[in-house]
Amino acid sequence: MPACLYRQGDLELRVAVLGTYDLQEQSWMWGWANPGLRGTPAGGQTLREDARHCRTRC
């Protein structure tokens, strides 16, 4: 998901990884806490900023 975009026909949406679930460990990790997503558009600061934006404007 390098571009963080989902396209279907003429519709284009920005997406982000909300979190991941490990079946073996049975554990959940938020996208912004996942070290594998840090520095990518799919997680980290971008996701936090989007959540803050939505909280104040949605």
PDB file of N, CA and C in Angstrom:
ATOM      1  N   MET A   1       0.802  -1.186   0.000  1.00  0.00           N
ATOM      2  CA  MET A   1       0.000   0.000   0.000  1.00  0.00           C
ATOM      3  C   MET A   1       0.854   1.263   0.000  1.00  0.00           C
ATOM      4  N   PRO A   2       1.798   1.372  -0.870  1.00  0.00           N
ATOM      5  CA  PRO A   2       2.668   2.545  -0.847  1.00  0.00           C
ATOM      6  C   PRO A   2       1.935   3.852  -1.088  1.00  0.00           C
ATOM      7  N   ALA A   3       0.866   3.832  -1.886  1.00  0.00           N
ATOM      8  CA  ALA A   3       0.145   5.072  -2.188  1.00  0.00           C
ATOM      9  C   ALA A   3      -1.019   5.306  -1.226  1.00  0.00           C
ATOM     10  N   CYS A   4      -1.404   4.282  -0.460  1.00  0.00           N
ATOM     11  CA  CYS A   4      -2.543   4.378   0.470  1.00  0.00           C
ATOM     12  C   CYS A   4      -3.824   4.774  -0.246  1.00  0.00           C
ATOM     13  N   LEU A   5      -4.010   4.262  -1.443  1.00  0.00           N
ATOM     14  CA  LEU A   5      -5.211   4.573  -2.209  1.00  0.00           C
ATOM     15  C   LEU A   5      -5.934   3.288  -2.573  1.00  0.00           C
ATOM     16  N   TYR A   6      -7.249   3.355  -2.523  1.00  0.00           N
ATOM     17  CA  TYR A   6      -8.092   2.258  -2.976  1.00  0.00           C
ATOM     18  C   TYR A   6      -8.937   2.804  -4.116  1.00  0.00           C
ATOM     19  N   ARG A   7      -8.906   2.102  -5.227  1.00  0.00           N
ATOM     20  CA  ARG A   7      -9.677   2.545  -6.389  1.00  0.00           C
ATOM     21  C   ARG A   7     -10.670   1.471  -6.800  1.00  0.00           C
ATOM     22  N   GLN A   8     -11.883   1.921  -7.091  1.00  0.00           N
ATOM     23  CA  GLN A   8     -12.902   1.040  -7.651  1.00  0.00           C
ATOM     24  C   GLN A   8     -13.702   1.870  -8.631  1.00  0.00           C
ATOM     25  N   GLY A   9     -13.533   1.597  -9.896  1.00  0.00           N
ATOM     26  CA  GLY A   9     -14.166   2.398 -10.933  1.00  0.00           C
ATOM     27  C   GLY A   9     -13.644   3.830 -10.867  1.00  0.00           C
ATOM     28  N   ASP A  10     -14.563   4.782 -10.803  1.00  0.00           N
ATOM     29  CA  ASP A  10     -14.177   6.193 -10.718  1.00  0.00           C
ATOM     30  C   ASP A  10     -13.949   6.659  -9.286  1.00  0.00           C
ATOM     31  N   LEU A  11     -14.172   5.781  -8.323  1.00  0.00           N
ATOM     32  CA  LEU A  11     -14.039   6.138  -6.918  1.00  0.00           C
ATOM     33  C   LEU A  11     -12.616   5.902  -6.439  1.00  0.00           C
ATOM     34  N   GLU A  12     -12.040   6.888  -5.766  1.00  0.00           N
ATOM     35  CA  GLU A  12     -10.691   6.766  -5.214  1.00  0.00           C
ATOM     36  C   GLU A  12     -10.725   7.234  -3.756  1.00  0.00           C
ATOM     37  N   LEU A  13     -10.282   6.367  -2.848  1.00  0.00           N
ATOM     38  CA  LEU A  13     -10.308   6.668  -1.426  1.00  0.00           C
ATOM     39  C   LEU A  13      -8.920   6.517  -0.813  1.00  0.00           C
ATOM     40  N   ARG A  14      -8.592   7.377   0.147  1.00  0.00           N
ATOM     41  CA  ARG A  14      -7.372   7.213   0.930  1.00  0.00           C
ATOM     42  C   ARG A  14      -7.643   6.173   2.002  1.00  0.00           C
ATOM     43  N   VAL A  15      -6.705   5.277   2.212  1.00  0.00           N
ATOM     44  CA  VAL A  15      -6.853   4.242   3.236  1.00  0.00           C
ATOM     45  C   VAL A  15      -5.612   4.214   4.115  1.00  0.00           C
ATOM     46  N   ALA A  16      -5.762   3.637   5.288  1.00  0.00           N
ATOM     47  CA  ALA A  16      -4.648   3.461   6.211  1.00  0.00           C
ATOM     48  C   ALA A  16      -4.854   2.143   6.950  1.00  0.00           C
ATOM     49  N   VAL A  17      -3.797   1.609   7.480  1.00  0.00           N
ATOM     50  CA  VAL A  17      -3.884   0.377   8.257  1.00  0.00           C
ATOM     51  C   VAL A  17      -4.313   0.748   9.671  1.00  0.00           C
ATOM     52  N   LEU A  18      -5.496   0.304  10.055  1.00  0.00           N
ATOM     53  CA  LEU A  18      -5.981   0.577  11.396  1.00  0.00           C
ATOM     54  C   LEU A  18      -5.180  -0.227  12.421  1.00  0.00           C
ATOM     55  N   GLY A  19      -4.912  -1.458  12.079  1.00  0.00           N
ATOM     56  CA  GLY A  19      -4.140  -2.311  12.979  1.00  0.00           C
ATOM     57  C   GLY A  19      -3.929  -3.673  12.367  1.00  0.00           C
ATOM     58  N   THR A  20      -3.203  -4.500  13.090  1.00  0.00           N
ATOM     59  CA  THR A  20      -2.935  -5.864  12.639  1.00  0.00           C
ATOM     60  C   THR A  20      -3.228  -6.831  13.777  1.00  0.00           C
ATOM     61  N   TYR A  21      -3.576  -8.055  13.421  1.00  0.00           N
ATOM     62  CA  TYR A  21      -3.874  -9.089  14.415  1.00  0.00           C
ATOM     63  C   TYR A  21      -2.999 -10.293  14.134  1.00  0.00           C
ATOM     64  N   ASP A  22      -2.309 -10.780  15.154  1.00  0.00           N
ATOM     65  CA  ASP A  22      -1.462 -11.960  15.048  1.00  0.00           C
ATOM     66  C   ASP A  22      -2.245 -13.157  15.569  1.00  0.00           C
ATOM     67  N   LEU A  23      -2.608 -14.081  14.671  1.00  0.00           N
ATOM     68  CA  LEU A  23      -3.399 -15.245  15.069  1.00  0.00           C
ATOM     69  C   LEU A  23      -2.655 -16.136  16.056  1.00  0.00           C
ATOM     70  N   GLN A  24      -1.365 -16.332  15.836  1.00  0.00           N
ATOM     71  CA  GLN A  24      -0.600 -17.219  16.702  1.00  0.00           C
ATOM     72  C   GLN A  24      -0.490 -16.656  18.119  1.00  0.00           C
ATOM     73  N   GLU A  25      -0.187 -15.369  18.217  1.00  0.00           N
ATOM     74  CA  GLU A  25      -0.054 -14.727  19.531  1.00  0.00           C
ATOM     75  C   GLU A  25      -1.394 -14.241  20.079  1.00  0.00           C
ATOM     76  N   GLN A  26      -2.405 -14.214  19.226  1.00  0.00           N
ATOM     77  CA  GLN A  26      -3.724 -13.692  19.566  1.00  0.00           C
ATOM     78  C   GLN A  26      -3.614 -12.284  20.170  1.00  0.00           C
ATOM     79  N   SER A  27      -2.912 -11.429  19.414  1.00  0.00           N
ATOM     80  CA  SER A  27      -2.705 -10.063  19.897  1.00  0.00           C
ATOM     81  C   SER A  27      -2.980  -9.055  18.785  1.00  0.00           C
ATOM     82  N   TRP A  28      -3.447  -7.896  19.191  1.00  0.00           N
ATOM     83  CA  TRP A  28      -3.780  -6.780  18.295  1.00  0.00           C
ATOM     84  C   TRP A  28      -2.739  -5.694  18.460  1.00  0.00           C
ATOM     85  N   MET A  29      -2.341  -5.047  17.367  1.00  0.00           N
ATOM     86  CA  MET A  29      -1.430  -3.910  17.439  1.00  0.00           C
ATOM     87  C   MET A  29      -1.969  -2.807  16.544  1.00  0.00           C
ATOM     88  N   TRP A  30      -2.155  -1.627  17.126  1.00  0.00           N
ATOM     89  CA  TRP A  30      -2.599  -0.472  16.347  1.00  0.00           C
ATOM     90  C   TRP A  30      -1.591  -0.157  15.258  1.00  0.00           C
ATOM     91  N   GLY A  31      -2.063   0.351  14.126  1.00  0.00           N
ATOM     92  CA  GLY A  31      -1.195   0.680  12.999  1.00  0.00           C
ATOM     93  C   GLY A  31      -0.086   1.647  13.375  1.00  0.00           C
ATOM     94  N   TRP A  32      -0.403   2.669  14.194  1.00  0.00           N
ATOM     95  CA  TRP A  32       0.621   3.656  14.549  1.00  0.00           C
ATOM     96  C   TRP A  32       1.629   3.115  15.555  1.00  0.00           C
ATOM     97  N   ALA A  33       1.337   1.973  16.177  1.00  0.00           N
ATOM     98  CA  ALA A  33       2.273   1.373  17.128  1.00  0.00           C
ATOM     99  C   ALA A  33       3.132   0.291  16.483  1.00  0.00           C
ATOM    100  N   ASN A  34       2.804  -0.086  15.249  1.00  0.00           N
ATOM    101  CA  ASN A  34       3.507  -1.174  14.572  1.00  0.00           C
ATOM    102  C   ASN A  34       4.826  -0.678  13.988  1.00  0.00           C
ATOM    103  N   PRO A  35       5.967  -1.184  14.497  1.00  0.00           N
ATOM    104  CA  PRO A  35       7.259  -0.715  13.992  1.00  0.00           C
ATOM    105  C   PRO A  35       7.474  -1.013  12.518  1.00  0.00           C
ATOM    106  N   GLY A  36       6.789  -2.014  11.982  1.00  0.00           N
ATOM    107  CA  GLY A  36       6.905  -2.341  10.565  1.00  0.00           C
ATOM    108  C   GLY A  36       6.257  -1.307   9.657  1.00  0.00           C
ATOM    109  N   LEU A  37       5.395  -0.453  10.216  1.00  0.00           N
ATOM    110  CA  LEU A  37       4.703   0.559   9.424  1.00  0.00           C
ATOM    111  C   LEU A  37       5.261   1.962   9.646  1.00  0.00           C
ATOM    112  N   ARG A  38       6.174   2.120  10.580  1.00  0.00           N
ATOM    113  CA  ARG A  38       6.724   3.449  10.860  1.00  0.00           C
ATOM    114  C   ARG A  38       7.423   4.020   9.635  1.00  0.00           C
ATOM    115  N   GLY A  39       7.175   5.285   9.394  1.00  0.00           N
ATOM    116  CA  GLY A  39       7.808   5.952   8.261  1.00  0.00           C
ATOM    117  C   GLY A  39       7.135   5.686   6.938  1.00  0.00           C
ATOM    118  N   THR A  40       6.029   4.932   6.968  1.00  0.00           N
ATOM    119  CA  THR A  40       5.286   4.669   5.739  1.00  0.00           C
ATOM    120  C   THR A  40       3.989   5.464   5.773  1.00  0.00           C
ATOM    121  N   PRO A  41       3.413   5.751   4.614  1.00  0.00           N
ATOM    122  CA  PRO A  41       2.129   6.455   4.602  1.00  0.00           C
ATOM    123  C   PRO A  41       0.999   5.647   5.235  1.00  0.00           C
ATOM    124  N   ALA A  42       1.156   4.325   5.322  1.00  0.00           N
ATOM    125  CA  ALA A  42       0.084   3.471   5.837  1.00  0.00           C
ATOM    126  C   ALA A  42      -0.033   3.508   7.350  1.00  0.00           C
ATOM    127  N   GLY A  43       0.959   3.972   8.029  1.00  0.00           N
ATOM    128  CA  GLY A  43       0.912   3.990   9.486  1.00  0.00           C
ATOM    129  C   GLY A  43       1.657   5.178  10.041  1.00  0.00           C
ATOM    130  N   GLY A  44       1.928   5.129  11.307  1.00  0.00           N
ATOM    131  CA  GLY A  44       2.703   6.177  11.943  1.00  0.00           C
ATOM    132  C   GLY A  44       1.995   7.510  12.025  1.00  0.00           C
ATOM    133  N   GLN A  45       2.721   8.580  11.841  1.00  0.00           N
ATOM    134  CA  GLN A  45       2.216   9.931  12.042  1.00  0.00           C
ATOM    135  C   GLN A  45       1.053  10.271  11.124  1.00  0.00           C
ATOM    136  N   THR A  46       1.096   9.810   9.900  1.00  0.00           N
ATOM    137  CA  THR A  46       0.011  10.106   8.962  1.00  0.00           C
ATOM    138  C   THR A  46      -1.315   9.587   9.499  1.00  0.00           C
ATOM    139  N   LEU A  47      -1.332   8.391  10.012  1.00  0.00           N
ATOM    140  CA  LEU A  47      -2.561   7.796  10.542  1.00  0.00           C
ATOM    141  C   LEU A  47      -3.046   8.580  11.755  1.00  0.00           C
ATOM    142  N   ARG A  48      -2.148   8.980  12.621  1.00  0.00           N
ATOM    143  CA  ARG A  48      -2.535   9.781  13.789  1.00  0.00           C
ATOM    144  C   ARG A  48      -3.129  11.118  13.375  1.00  0.00           C
ATOM    145  N   GLU A  49      -2.483  11.767  12.420  1.00  0.00           N
ATOM    146  CA  GLU A  49      -2.986  13.059  11.942  1.00  0.00           C
ATOM    147  C   GLU A  49      -4.374  12.905  11.327  1.00  0.00           C
ATOM    148  N   ASP A  50      -4.589  11.859  10.557  1.00  0.00           N
ATOM    149  CA  ASP A  50      -5.900  11.620   9.959  1.00  0.00           C
ATOM    150  C   ASP A  50      -6.956  11.389  11.043  1.00  0.00           C
ATOM    151  N   ALA A  51      -6.609  10.645  12.092  1.00  0.00           N
ATOM    152  CA  ALA A  51      -7.551  10.383  13.185  1.00  0.00           C
ATOM    153  C   ALA A  51      -7.893  11.690  13.901  1.00  0.00           C
ATOM    154  N   ARG A  52      -6.902  12.530  14.143  1.00  0.00           N
ATOM    155  CA  ARG A  52      -7.154  13.820  14.791  1.00  0.00           C
ATOM    156  C   ARG A  52      -8.040  14.703  13.925  1.00  0.00           C
ATOM    157  N   HIS A  53      -7.754  14.705  12.628  1.00  0.00           N
ATOM    158  CA  HIS A  53      -8.541  15.514  11.690  1.00  0.00           C
ATOM    159  C   HIS A  53      -9.998  15.067  11.713  1.00  0.00           C
ATOM    160  N   CYS A  54     -10.219  13.773  11.671  1.00  0.00           N
ATOM    161  CA  CYS A  54     -11.573  13.241  11.657  1.00  0.00           C
ATOM    162  C   CYS A  54     -12.281  13.541  12.983  1.00  0.00           C
ATOM    163  N   ARG A  55     -11.573  13.450  14.082  1.00  0.00           N
ATOM    164  CA  ARG A  55     -12.176  13.712  15.383  1.00  0.00           C
ATOM    165  C   ARG A  55     -12.668  15.155  15.492  1.00  0.00           C
ATOM    166  N   THR A  56     -11.943  16.071  14.886  1.00  0.00           N
ATOM    167  CA  THR A  56     -12.321  17.477  14.998  1.00  0.00           C
ATOM    168  C   THR A  56     -13.281  17.932  13.909  1.00  0.00           C
ATOM    169  N   ARG A  57     -13.361  17.199  12.790  1.00  0.00           N
ATOM    170  CA  ARG A  57     -14.173  17.670  11.667  1.00  0.00           C
ATOM    171  C   ARG A  57     -15.269  16.718  11.217  1.00  0.00           C
ATOM    172  N   CYS A  58     -15.277  15.522  11.673  1.00  0.00           N
ATOM    173  CA  CYS A  58     -16.284  14.551  11.214  1.00  0.00           C
ATOM    174  C   CYS A  58     -17.447  14.473  12.172  1.00  0.00           C
TER     175      CYS A  58
END
